[in-house]
């Protein structure tokens, strides 16, 4: 496993372009299985999780052509369904959680979809019930082999149905939508996820010939069609990376411009950072963050301590709470971070406490942060990245700390952030990758 050696305490300056959105790409790439025609996808991020999924599609028989550094064509006209029962598939499918979303398209087009229990971040329980209950509502039969940790879903014919999802799962909604677009009749999905990346998937499917109504709301109506064709689609910039760069600028007192952010798809992200006292300005479709010596956390109107919690879209994304927590350590004031979705995601705070941060981990879901207003800078240390978002949060902490830090297990960071060391060096960061 590789490591980063980071010399902290340097101000950064310049422009940075966000990569294509990881969470959208995982959905979009699975959707190419719905048609035998060619699908062109642009702005594909060059990150570990996406590259694993592309390799998985190749192994299934999808013809993949790299057209440029971030553009691919896919043609799923000769799918090898026997691969789904191979040992190679069982090994590779466990490496990323996004692999679960190949099941819906395979079920819709071929009547069966298999997947080993997916892997991904170790951030707590991430149940898959929503996916499989949705498949069953559409007429599929579900089987779980607990000995091999292997899921099998088959159908003799999918039929549209009404369903009220037990949670607004993004991947669950995406999987059900990709199944329902070719089911007979009308499917109504209530309590559907409605984040921009899910909207992008629906728009892409409609451009392929699907009939999806209610895009952008939590009530989707889908009229099944017999065939989907090819299309060309461009992935949005990654909102999690954009939020990470806002936090980086604040923590390192840097002047940074984040280019082409698709501001209208960022929701409450800019305003949540502004509640921490971070100044940012919209310039066209860019975000400009000026140098700030300090930033002060707002209280609620009644004077009580600010609480920042995750919620389904258009609420605040859980993927940025780790960044918010780190940024709060050097703010003026206090904030309660409430991570409702995952019970293990805040456990990385012990590493920040070792660096000198004033954090009380109240329970697995809540952490109280007492901002130091830069009176006591974070100390350099050696640490290990537990997951993608915590890894980048620790990287931001190290870049702001005094001295030289080491972060091990950076493969976790590479899973979600494209060439992050090269891109940060272009802003003046002192960061070195060692194997």
Protein backbone atom coordinates (compact mmCIF):
# COMPACT_ATOMS: atom_id res chain seq x y z
CA UNK A 1 0.00 0.00 0.00
CA UNK A 2 1.23 3.49 -0.81
CA UNK A 3 1.63 6.46 1.51
CA UNK A 4 1.62 10.25 1.30
CA UNK A 5 4.37 12.31 2.93
CA UNK A 6 2.96 15.79 3.53
CA UNK A 7 4.80 18.89 4.63
CA UNK A 8 2.10 21.06 6.14
CA UNK A 9 1.76 24.74 6.89
CA UNK A 10 1.98 26.07 3.33
CA UNK A 11 -0.61 28.36 1.75
CA UNK A 12 -1.86 27.24 -1.65
CA UNK A 13 -2.91 29.31 -4.63
CA UNK A 14 -4.38 28.73 -8.06
CA UNK A 15 -7.17 27.06 -10.00
CA UNK A 16 -8.32 23.47 -9.82
CA UNK A 17 -10.79 21.54 -11.96
CA UNK A 18 -13.05 18.98 -10.23
CA UNK A 19 -13.13 15.48 -11.68
CA UNK A 20 -16.23 13.79 -13.00
CA UNK A 21 -18.59 12.65 -10.25
CA UNK A 22 -17.74 9.20 -8.89
CA UNK A 23 -21.24 8.46 -7.62
CA UNK A 24 -22.85 9.41 -10.92
CA UNK A 25 -20.31 7.45 -12.94
CA UNK A 26 -21.04 4.25 -11.02
CA UNK A 27 -24.73 4.49 -11.99
CA UNK A 28 -24.17 5.64 -15.56
CA UNK A 29 -21.63 2.94 -16.40
CA UNK A 30 -23.98 0.19 -15.19
CA UNK A 31 -26.75 1.59 -17.42
CA UNK A 32 -24.76 0.76 -20.59
CA UNK A 33 -25.84 -2.87 -20.01
CA UNK A 34 -29.42 -1.94 -20.90
CA UNK A 35 -28.78 -1.64 -24.65
CA UNK A 36 -26.88 -3.47 -27.38
CA UNK A 37 -26.14 -0.13 -29.01
CA UNK A 38 -23.09 2.07 -28.45
CA UNK A 39 -23.12 4.48 -25.50
CA UNK A 40 -20.57 7.29 -25.19
CA UNK A 41 -19.78 8.60 -21.70
CA UNK A 42 -17.74 11.80 -21.18
CA UNK A 43 -16.00 13.21 -18.08
CA UNK A 44 -15.35 9.76 -16.60
CA UNK A 45 -13.08 10.08 -13.54
CA UNK A 46 -9.81 8.12 -13.58
CA UNK A 47 -10.13 6.62 -10.10
CA UNK A 48 -9.74 3.12 -8.70
CA UNK A 49 -13.44 2.32 -8.13
CA UNK A 50 -14.47 3.43 -11.63
CA UNK A 51 -11.58 1.59 -13.29
CA UNK A 52 -12.56 -1.61 -11.44
CA UNK A 53 -16.14 -1.26 -12.70
CA UNK A 54 -14.94 -0.70 -16.28
CA UNK A 55 -12.81 -3.86 -16.02
CA UNK A 56 -15.84 -5.72 -14.69
CA UNK A 57 -17.90 -4.58 -17.70
CA UNK A 58 -15.13 -5.75 -20.04
CA UNK A 59 -15.11 -9.15 -18.34
CA UNK A 60 -18.87 -9.38 -18.92
CA UNK A 61 -18.27 -8.90 -22.63
CA UNK A 62 -18.89 -5.17 -23.00
CA UNK A 63 -16.76 -3.67 -25.79
CA UNK A 64 -14.95 -0.69 -24.24
CA UNK A 65 -13.01 1.91 -26.21
CA UNK A 66 -11.15 4.81 -24.62
CA UNK A 67 -11.75 7.80 -26.88
CA UNK A 68 -9.76 10.37 -24.87
CA UNK A 69 -8.41 10.78 -21.34
CA UNK A 70 -11.93 10.97 -19.86
CA UNK A 71 -14.24 9.73 -22.63
CA UNK A 72 -15.25 6.12 -23.34
CA UNK A 73 -17.59 4.25 -25.64
CA UNK A 74 -19.36 1.10 -24.43
CA UNK A 75 -21.27 -1.50 -26.43
CA UNK A 76 -22.97 -4.36 -24.62
CA UNK A 77 -24.08 -6.36 -27.67
CA UNK A 78 -22.39 -9.66 -26.71
CA UNK A 79 -22.79 -10.18 -22.96
CA UNK A 80 -21.33 -13.37 -21.47
CA UNK A 81 -23.88 -14.30 -18.78
CA UNK A 82 -21.86 -17.39 -17.81
CA UNK A 83 -19.25 -15.02 -16.34
CA UNK A 84 -21.75 -14.17 -13.58
CA UNK A 85 -21.22 -17.59 -12.01
CA UNK A 86 -17.42 -17.63 -12.32
CA UNK A 87 -14.95 -17.43 -9.45
CA UNK A 88 -13.32 -14.43 -11.14
CA UNK A 89 -16.60 -12.51 -11.01
CA UNK A 90 -17.14 -13.44 -7.37
CA UNK A 91 -13.69 -12.05 -6.53
CA UNK A 92 -13.85 -8.87 -8.59
CA UNK A 93 -17.47 -7.98 -7.78
CA UNK A 94 -16.67 -7.71 -4.07
CA UNK A 95 -14.10 -4.97 -4.57
CA UNK A 96 -16.52 -2.06 -5.03
CA UNK A 97 -19.95 -1.38 -3.64
CA UNK A 98 -21.13 0.14 -6.93
CA UNK A 99 -21.07 -3.30 -8.54
CA UNK A 100 -24.53 -3.92 -7.03
CA UNK A 101 -25.98 -1.65 -9.72
CA UNK A 102 -25.24 -4.08 -12.55
CA UNK A 103 -28.02 -6.33 -11.20
CA UNK A 104 -30.93 -4.09 -12.26
CA UNK A 105 -29.85 -3.65 -15.90
CA UNK A 106 -29.03 -7.37 -16.26
CA UNK A 107 -32.39 -8.31 -14.74
CA UNK A 108 -34.25 -5.92 -17.05
CA UNK A 109 -32.55 -7.05 -20.24
CA UNK A 110 -31.69 -10.71 -19.64
CA UNK A 111 -34.02 -11.79 -16.84
CA UNK A 112 -31.31 -12.54 -14.31
CA UNK A 113 -28.65 -10.74 -12.33
CA UNK A 114 -26.08 -12.13 -9.90
CA UNK A 115 -23.65 -10.31 -7.63
CA UNK A 116 -21.36 -11.24 -4.73
CA UNK A 117 -21.77 -9.22 -1.58
CA UNK A 118 -20.25 -5.85 -2.55
CA UNK A 119 -17.33 -4.26 -0.72
CA UNK A 120 -16.48 -0.56 -0.40
CA UNK A 121 -15.85 1.70 2.59
CA UNK A 122 -15.88 0.29 6.11
CA UNK A 123 -18.17 2.99 7.48
CA UNK A 124 -20.87 0.90 9.09
CA UNK A 125 -23.85 -1.15 7.96
CA UNK A 126 -24.96 -0.47 4.39
CA UNK A 127 -27.91 -2.76 3.83
CA UNK A 128 -29.15 -3.76 0.39
CA UNK A 129 -32.77 -4.51 1.30
CA UNK A 130 -34.15 -1.59 -0.71
CA UNK A 131 -32.63 -2.96 -3.93
CA UNK A 132 -33.98 -6.47 -3.60
CA UNK A 133 -37.40 -5.54 -2.24
CA UNK A 134 -37.75 -3.30 -5.30
CA UNK A 135 -36.79 -6.14 -7.63
CA UNK A 136 -39.35 -8.38 -5.96
CA UNK A 137 -42.07 -5.74 -6.34
CA UNK A 138 -41.35 -5.79 -10.08
CA UNK A 139 -41.82 -9.56 -10.23
CA UNK A 140 -38.34 -10.95 -9.62
CA UNK A 141 -37.41 -13.84 -7.35
CA UNK A 142 -34.58 -13.25 -4.92
CA UNK A 143 -32.16 -15.75 -3.40
CA UNK A 144 -29.23 -15.13 -1.05
CA UNK A 145 -26.55 -17.77 -0.56
CA UNK A 146 -25.20 -16.93 2.90
CA UNK A 147 -22.41 -19.51 2.61
CA UNK A 148 -20.94 -17.85 -0.48
CA UNK A 149 -22.33 -14.35 0.28
CA UNK A 150 -23.86 -14.37 -3.20
CA UNK A 151 -27.10 -12.74 -4.40
CA UNK A 152 -29.20 -14.14 -7.26
CA UNK A 153 -32.22 -12.43 -8.81
CA UNK A 154 -34.22 -13.96 -11.66
CA UNK A 155 -37.52 -13.26 -13.41
CA UNK A 156 -39.78 -14.75 -16.09
CA UNK A 157 -41.12 -11.27 -16.82
CA UNK A 158 -41.05 -7.94 -15.04
CA UNK A 159 -44.25 -6.01 -14.42
CA UNK A 160 -44.62 -2.41 -13.29
CA UNK A 161 -45.87 -1.81 -9.78
CA UNK A 162 -46.33 0.86 -7.12
CA UNK A 163 -43.72 0.93 -4.38
CA UNK A 164 -42.94 3.12 -1.40
CA UNK A 165 -39.23 2.77 -0.68
CA UNK A 166 -38.33 2.15 2.96
CA UNK A 167 -35.42 4.58 2.56
CA UNK A 168 -34.44 7.13 -0.09
CA UNK A 169 -31.43 5.04 -1.11
CA UNK A 170 -29.54 6.54 -4.05
CA UNK A 171 -28.10 3.27 -5.36
CA UNK A 172 -31.34 1.48 -4.50
CA UNK A 173 -33.40 3.98 -6.47
CA UNK A 174 -30.96 3.83 -9.39
CA UNK A 175 -31.07 0.04 -9.49
CA UNK A 176 -34.87 -0.08 -9.36
CA UNK A 177 -35.21 2.62 -12.03
CA UNK A 178 -32.85 0.74 -14.36
CA UNK A 179 -34.97 -2.39 -13.82
CA UNK A 180 -38.35 -0.69 -14.25
CA UNK A 181 -37.58 1.09 -17.54
CA UNK A 182 -38.07 -2.21 -19.42
CA UNK A 183 -40.82 -3.72 -17.23
CA UNK A 184 -44.32 -4.11 -18.65
CA UNK A 185 -46.71 -1.35 -17.62
CA UNK A 186 -46.34 1.51 -15.16
CA UNK A 187 -44.00 1.66 -12.19
CA UNK A 188 -44.44 4.32 -9.51
CA UNK A 189 -41.59 4.87 -7.05
CA UNK A 190 -42.37 7.03 -4.01
CA UNK A 191 -39.67 8.20 -1.57
CA UNK A 192 -37.22 7.92 -4.45
CA UNK A 193 -33.80 9.52 -4.11
CA UNK A 194 -33.70 12.73 -6.11
CA UNK A 195 -30.08 13.92 -5.95
CA UNK A 196 -28.54 15.40 -9.13
CA UNK A 197 -26.68 12.21 -10.01
CA UNK A 198 -29.93 10.22 -9.96
CA UNK A 199 -31.51 12.95 -12.09
CA UNK A 200 -28.63 12.56 -14.53
CA UNK A 201 -29.25 8.83 -14.76
CA UNK A 202 -32.94 9.38 -15.49
CA UNK A 203 -32.18 11.99 -18.15
CA UNK A 204 -29.70 9.61 -19.78
CA UNK A 205 -32.23 6.76 -19.76
CA UNK A 206 -34.85 9.03 -21.34
CA UNK A 207 -32.38 9.95 -24.07
CA UNK A 208 -32.03 6.18 -24.69
CA UNK A 209 -35.81 5.86 -25.15
CA UNK A 210 -37.08 5.36 -21.61
CA UNK A 211 -40.19 7.15 -20.33
CA UNK A 212 -39.50 8.53 -16.84
CA UNK A 213 -41.60 11.33 -15.36
CA UNK A 214 -41.06 13.31 -12.14
CA UNK A 215 -37.28 13.68 -12.48
CA UNK A 216 -35.94 15.81 -9.63
CA UNK A 217 -38.77 14.86 -7.27
CA UNK A 218 -39.18 11.93 -4.88
CA UNK A 219 -42.06 10.53 -6.94
CA UNK A 220 -41.01 8.85 -10.18
CA UNK A 221 -43.42 7.39 -12.73
CA UNK A 222 -41.97 5.02 -15.32
CA UNK A 223 -43.74 3.62 -18.37
CA UNK A 224 -41.91 0.49 -19.46
CA UNK A 225 -40.52 0.24 -22.99
CA UNK A 226 -39.38 -2.76 -25.04
CA UNK A 227 -36.02 -1.44 -26.19
CA UNK A 228 -33.41 1.16 -25.27
CA UNK A 229 -30.92 2.60 -27.74
CA UNK A 230 -27.54 4.26 -27.59
CA UNK A 231 -26.77 7.80 -26.50
CA UNK A 232 -24.02 10.22 -25.46
CA UNK A 233 -23.85 11.47 -21.88
CA UNK A 234 -21.57 13.83 -19.93
CA UNK A 235 -21.05 13.28 -16.20
CA UNK A 236 -21.39 16.22 -13.78
CA UNK A 237 -18.42 17.50 -11.76
CA UNK A 238 -17.99 15.76 -8.41
CA UNK A 239 -19.75 17.76 -5.68
CA UNK A 240 -17.85 15.88 -2.95
CA UNK A 241 -14.52 16.88 -4.45
CA UNK A 242 -15.75 20.47 -4.78
CA UNK A 243 -16.67 20.52 -1.09
CA UNK A 244 -13.29 18.99 -0.25
CA UNK A 245 -11.50 21.80 -2.08
CA UNK A 246 -13.56 24.45 -0.26
CA UNK A 247 -12.50 22.89 3.03
CA UNK A 248 -8.88 22.67 1.86
CA UNK A 249 -8.80 26.38 1.01
CA UNK A 250 -10.22 27.37 4.41
CA UNK A 251 -7.91 25.13 6.44
CA UNK A 252 -4.73 26.19 4.62
CA UNK A 253 -5.69 29.91 4.39
CA UNK A 254 -5.40 29.64 0.62
CA UNK A 255 -6.79 31.52 -2.36
CA UNK A 256 -8.29 28.92 -4.66
CA UNK A 257 -10.68 29.01 -7.62
CA UNK A 258 -12.63 25.81 -8.30
CA UNK A 259 -13.51 25.77 -11.99
CA UNK A 260 -16.74 24.66 -13.68
CA UNK A 261 -18.56 23.39 -10.61
CA UNK A 262 -22.11 23.18 -12.04
CA UNK A 263 -23.22 25.49 -9.21
CA UNK A 264 -26.93 24.90 -9.76
CA UNK A 265 -26.44 21.22 -8.88
CA UNK A 266 -24.58 21.87 -5.60
CA UNK A 267 -27.71 22.37 -3.49
CA UNK A 268 -26.97 23.48 0.09
CA UNK A 269 -23.25 22.64 -0.04
CA UNK A 270 -22.00 26.25 -0.46
CA UNK A 271 -24.35 27.58 2.23
CA UNK A 272 -23.29 24.94 4.77
CA UNK A 273 -19.64 25.95 4.39
CA UNK A 274 -20.71 29.59 4.72
CA UNK A 275 -22.31 28.71 8.08
CA UNK A 276 -18.80 27.85 9.24
CA UNK A 277 -17.77 31.39 8.32
CA UNK A 278 -16.00 30.45 5.10
CA UNK A 279 -16.15 33.15 2.45
CA UNK A 280 -16.82 31.94 -1.05
CA UNK A 281 -18.03 33.70 -4.15
CA UNK A 282 -19.76 32.53 -7.29
CA UNK A 283 -18.00 33.73 -10.42
CA UNK A 284 -19.91 32.46 -13.42
CA UNK A 285 -19.84 28.71 -12.86
CA UNK A 286 -16.68 28.86 -10.70
CA UNK A 287 -16.26 29.10 -6.93
CA UNK A 288 -13.67 31.59 -5.69
CA UNK A 289 -12.40 31.20 -2.11
CA UNK A 290 -10.23 34.09 -0.88
CA UNK A 291 -7.50 33.83 1.74
CA UNK A 292 -8.99 33.98 5.24
CA UNK A 293 -6.98 34.40 8.42
CA UNK A 294 -9.93 33.10 10.43
CA UNK A 295 -13.55 32.02 10.06
CA UNK A 296 -16.28 31.97 12.69
CA UNK A 297 -19.06 29.41 13.05
CA UNK A 298 -22.57 30.84 13.11
CA UNK A 299 -24.94 30.00 15.95
CA UNK A 300 -28.63 29.38 15.44
CA UNK A 301 -30.88 32.44 15.73
CA UNK A 302 -31.70 31.64 19.37
CA UNK A 303 -27.99 31.49 20.23
CA UNK A 304 -27.75 27.71 20.48
CA UNK A 305 -24.80 25.81 19.02
CA UNK A 306 -24.95 25.06 15.31
CA UNK A 307 -25.73 21.45 14.33
CA UNK A 308 -24.78 20.15 10.89
CA UNK A 309 -26.41 16.85 9.98
CA UNK A 310 -26.73 14.74 6.85
CA UNK A 311 -30.08 14.16 5.15
CA UNK A 312 -31.45 12.82 1.86
CA UNK A 313 -31.17 15.28 -1.03
CA UNK A 314 -31.79 18.20 -1.06
CA UNK A 315 -30.35 17.91 2.45
CA UNK A 316 -26.62 17.89 3.12
CA UNK A 317 -24.70 14.93 1.73
CA UNK A 318 -23.18 12.55 4.31
CA UNK A 319 -20.02 12.28 2.20
CA UNK A 320 -18.99 15.82 3.20
CA UNK A 321 -19.52 15.60 6.96
CA UNK A 322 -15.94 14.36 7.45
CA UNK A 323 -14.69 17.48 5.65
CA UNK A 324 -16.96 19.74 7.71
CA UNK A 325 -15.65 18.16 10.92
CA UNK A 326 -12.00 18.77 10.00
CA UNK A 327 -12.63 22.34 8.87
CA UNK A 328 -14.44 23.07 12.14
CA UNK A 329 -11.37 22.23 14.20
CA UNK A 330 -9.68 25.50 13.19
CA UNK A 331 -12.79 27.70 13.13
CA UNK A 332 -13.83 30.07 15.89
CA UNK A 333 -16.76 28.60 17.78
CA UNK A 334 -18.35 25.21 18.30
CA UNK A 335 -20.48 22.88 16.19
CA UNK A 336 -22.20 19.52 16.64
CA UNK A 337 -21.68 17.12 13.72
CA UNK A 338 -24.49 14.55 13.44
CA UNK A 339 -23.77 11.68 11.04
CA UNK A 340 -27.12 9.92 10.90
CA UNK A 341 -26.53 7.44 8.12
CA UNK A 342 -23.34 5.55 9.03
CA UNK A 343 -22.32 4.60 12.54
CA UNK A 344 -18.58 4.15 11.88
CA UNK A 345 -17.79 7.22 9.82
CA UNK A 346 -16.77 9.46 12.73
CA UNK A 347 -14.29 7.02 14.23
CA UNK A 348 -11.40 8.72 12.40
CA UNK A 349 -11.70 11.61 14.88
CA UNK A 350 -9.18 9.89 17.17
CA UNK A 351 -6.50 10.73 14.60
CA UNK A 352 -7.51 14.40 14.65
CA UNK A 353 -7.45 14.40 18.45
CA UNK A 354 -3.88 13.06 18.24
CA UNK A 355 -3.10 16.10 16.07
CA UNK A 356 -4.41 18.43 18.78
CA UNK A 357 -8.02 18.94 17.68
CA UNK A 358 -10.62 19.54 20.40
CA UNK A 359 -13.30 16.97 19.59
CA UNK A 360 -15.67 15.03 21.83
CA UNK A 361 -17.01 11.89 20.17
CA UNK A 362 -20.39 11.74 21.87
CA UNK A 363 -21.44 8.41 20.32
CA UNK A 364 -20.97 6.66 16.95
CA UNK A 365 -23.17 9.25 15.23
CA UNK A 366 -22.30 12.57 16.89
CA UNK A 367 -19.15 14.58 17.48
CA UNK A 368 -18.85 17.96 19.20
CA UNK A 369 -16.06 20.13 17.79
CA UNK A 370 -14.59 23.07 19.70
CA UNK A 371 -12.90 25.31 17.16
CA UNK A 372 -9.40 26.51 18.09
CA UNK A 373 -9.47 29.62 15.86
CA UNK A 374 -5.89 28.70 14.83
CA UNK A 375 -4.63 29.50 18.35
CA UNK A 376 -3.25 25.96 18.52
CA UNK A 377 -2.31 24.64 15.05
CA UNK A 378 -2.72 20.95 14.37
CA UNK A 379 0.40 18.84 14.90
CA UNK A 380 1.89 16.59 12.25
CA UNK A 381 1.56 12.85 12.85
CA UNK A 382 1.47 9.44 11.19
CA UNK A 383 -1.95 7.99 10.42
CA UNK A 384 -3.83 5.48 8.25
CA UNK A 385 -6.72 6.29 5.94
CA UNK A 386 -9.81 4.25 6.95
CA UNK A 387 -12.07 5.22 4.01
CA UNK A 388 -12.25 7.60 1.05
CA UNK A 389 -13.76 10.66 2.75
CA UNK A 390 -11.93 10.31 6.06
CA UNK A 391 -8.72 9.85 4.07
CA UNK A 392 -9.12 13.17 2.27
CA UNK A 393 -10.13 14.86 5.53
CA UNK A 394 -6.89 13.65 7.12
CA UNK A 395 -5.00 14.85 4.04
CA UNK A 396 -6.51 18.33 4.48
CA UNK A 397 -5.63 18.27 8.17
CA UNK A 398 -2.03 17.28 7.34
CA UNK A 399 -1.69 20.06 4.76
CA UNK A 400 -2.70 22.61 7.42
CA UNK A 401 -0.61 21.12 10.25
CA UNK A 402 2.85 22.18 11.36
CA UNK A 403 5.52 19.68 10.40
CA UNK A 404 5.58 16.56 8.23
CA UNK A 405 2.79 13.98 8.35
CA UNK A 406 2.49 10.52 6.84
CA UNK A 407 -0.77 8.96 5.67
CA UNK A 408 -0.76 5.23 4.95
CA UNK A 409 -3.30 3.17 2.98
CA UNK A 410 -3.80 5.94 0.41
CA UNK A 411 -5.40 3.43 -1.94
CA UNK A 412 -8.57 4.40 -0.08
CA UNK A 413 -8.10 8.01 -1.23
CA UNK A 414 -7.27 6.91 -4.80
CA UNK A 415 -10.61 5.08 -4.91
CA UNK A 416 -12.41 8.43 -5.05
CA UNK A 417 -9.95 11.19 -5.94
CA UNK A 418 -8.16 11.37 -9.28
CA UNK A 419 -4.39 12.07 -9.18
CA UNK A 420 -4.99 14.09 -6.02
CA UNK A 421 -1.29 14.52 -5.21
CA UNK A 422 -0.41 15.88 -8.67
CA UNK A 423 -3.35 18.26 -8.65
CA UNK A 424 -2.56 19.58 -5.16
CA UNK A 425 1.10 20.05 -6.07
CA UNK A 426 -0.07 22.31 -8.91
CA UNK A 427 -1.49 24.59 -6.18
CA UNK A 428 1.79 24.57 -4.25
CA UNK A 429 1.19 21.69 -1.82
CA UNK A 430 4.22 19.81 -0.52
CA UNK A 431 3.05 16.23 -0.96
CA UNK A 432 4.95 13.14 -2.03
CA UNK A 433 3.65 9.69 -2.92
CA UNK A 434 5.76 6.73 -1.83
CA UNK A 435 5.11 3.04 -2.46
